[in-house]
Amino acid sequence: MSRWFNTAGPCKADKNYMLAPTTRLPDLEQIIEQESYFVIHAPRQTGKTTAMLALAKQLTESGRYTAVMVSVEVGSAFNNNLDAAELAILGTWRPILY
């Protein structure tokens, strides 16, 4: 199957036309080495998830880190109930942890 332009969800280099996802974030490795925090903030459909998945893979493959990506998006359904949002977010992790 030929590649195509993806407009929904994370891109995959073998299936979608895309730029290298981590080249737009050149200072992240230094920030991570310094054990500092960072925030990726950008409009919808600009490659945030694709970049974070690529970064997690790159860090894990380096052998120096085990990267885990957590999405709290499932909690947005409970924006007026923090307890329910927390339970929903943790509920996505429970099957992985046990």
Protein backbone atom coordinates (compact mmCIF):
# COMPACT_ATOMS: atom_id res chain seq x y z
CA MET A 1 0.00 0.00 0.00
CA SER A 2 1.31 3.44 -0.83
CA ARG A 3 1.83 6.13 1.80
CA TRP A 4 -0.69 8.91 2.39
CA PHE A 5 -1.09 12.17 4.29
CA ASN A 6 -2.53 11.39 7.71
CA THR A 7 -4.85 13.96 9.27
CA ALA A 8 -6.08 11.96 12.25
CA GLY A 9 -3.96 10.46 15.01
CA PRO A 10 -0.24 9.76 15.25
CA CYS A 11 1.70 9.36 12.02
CA LYS A 12 3.77 6.30 11.16
CA ALA A 13 6.77 6.81 8.90
CA ASP A 14 6.17 3.59 6.97
CA LYS A 15 2.54 4.52 6.23
CA ASN A 16 2.35 8.31 6.19
CA TYR A 17 4.18 11.18 4.55
CA MET A 18 5.84 13.08 7.37
CA LEU A 19 8.87 15.04 8.49
CA ALA A 20 11.19 13.57 11.09
CA PRO A 21 9.19 14.25 14.27
CA THR A 22 11.99 15.08 16.69
CA THR A 23 13.96 17.50 14.49
CA ARG A 24 11.56 20.29 15.43
CA LEU A 25 12.49 19.75 19.09
CA PRO A 26 16.29 20.02 18.97
CA ASP A 27 16.89 20.95 22.62
CA LEU A 28 14.86 18.17 24.22
CA GLU A 29 17.76 15.79 24.74
CA GLN A 30 19.67 18.46 26.65
CA ILE A 31 16.58 19.29 28.73
CA ILE A 32 16.14 15.61 29.56
CA GLU A 33 19.83 15.24 30.42
CA GLN A 34 19.44 18.15 32.85
CA GLU A 35 16.43 16.38 34.40
CA SER A 36 14.31 19.43 33.64
CA TYR A 37 10.63 19.65 32.81
CA PHE A 38 9.21 20.64 29.45
CA VAL A 39 5.81 21.25 27.93
CA ILE A 40 4.78 20.60 24.35
CA HIS A 41 2.01 23.04 23.52
CA ALA A 42 0.69 23.46 20.00
CA PRO A 43 -2.60 23.43 18.09
CA ARG A 44 -4.42 20.26 17.16
CA GLN A 45 -3.00 18.04 14.43
CA THR A 46 0.50 19.53 14.49
CA GLY A 47 2.39 16.37 15.44
CA LYS A 48 2.64 16.53 19.24
CA THR A 49 1.71 12.89 19.80
CA THR A 50 3.81 11.70 16.89
CA ALA A 51 6.81 13.63 18.24
CA MET A 52 6.37 12.27 21.78
CA LEU A 53 6.05 8.68 20.55
CA ALA A 54 9.22 9.12 18.48
CA LEU A 55 11.03 10.69 21.44
CA ALA A 56 9.96 7.84 23.75
CA LYS A 57 11.22 5.30 21.22
CA GLN A 58 14.50 7.17 20.74
CA LEU A 59 15.11 7.46 24.50
CA THR A 60 14.30 3.81 25.14
CA GLU A 61 16.47 2.61 22.25
CA SER A 62 19.39 4.62 23.66
CA GLY A 63 19.51 2.15 26.55
CA ARG A 64 19.87 4.98 29.06
CA TYR A 65 16.15 5.50 29.68
CA THR A 66 12.89 3.67 29.77
CA ALA A 67 10.37 6.12 28.39
CA VAL A 68 6.70 5.92 29.23
CA MET A 69 4.11 8.09 27.56
CA VAL A 70 0.98 8.91 29.51
CA SER A 71 -2.10 10.53 28.06
CA VAL A 72 -4.63 12.03 30.43
CA GLU A 73 -7.06 12.71 27.62
CA VAL A 74 -9.49 10.09 28.95
CA GLY A 75 -9.97 12.31 32.01
CA SER A 76 -11.32 15.19 29.94
CA ALA A 77 -14.75 13.56 29.93
CA PHE A 78 -14.91 14.31 33.66
CA ASN A 79 -13.77 17.94 33.67
CA ASN A 80 -16.15 18.82 36.52
CA ASN A 81 -15.30 15.77 38.65
CA LEU A 82 -11.61 15.46 39.47
CA ASP A 83 -12.06 12.19 41.37
CA ALA A 84 -13.75 10.54 38.38
CA ALA A 85 -11.11 11.95 36.02
CA GLU A 86 -8.33 10.53 38.21
CA LEU A 87 -10.00 7.12 38.32
CA ALA A 88 -10.44 7.10 34.54
CA ILE A 89 -6.78 8.02 33.98
CA LEU A 90 -5.51 5.44 36.46
CA GLY A 91 -7.89 2.89 34.98
CA THR A 92 -6.02 3.03 31.69
CA TRP A 93 -2.81 2.09 33.57
CA ARG A 94 -4.10 -0.71 35.77
CA PRO A 95 -4.14 -3.39 33.03
CA ILE A 96 -0.53 -2.49 32.19
CA LEU A 97 0.72 -2.54 35.79
CA TYR A 98 -0.84 -5.82 36.88
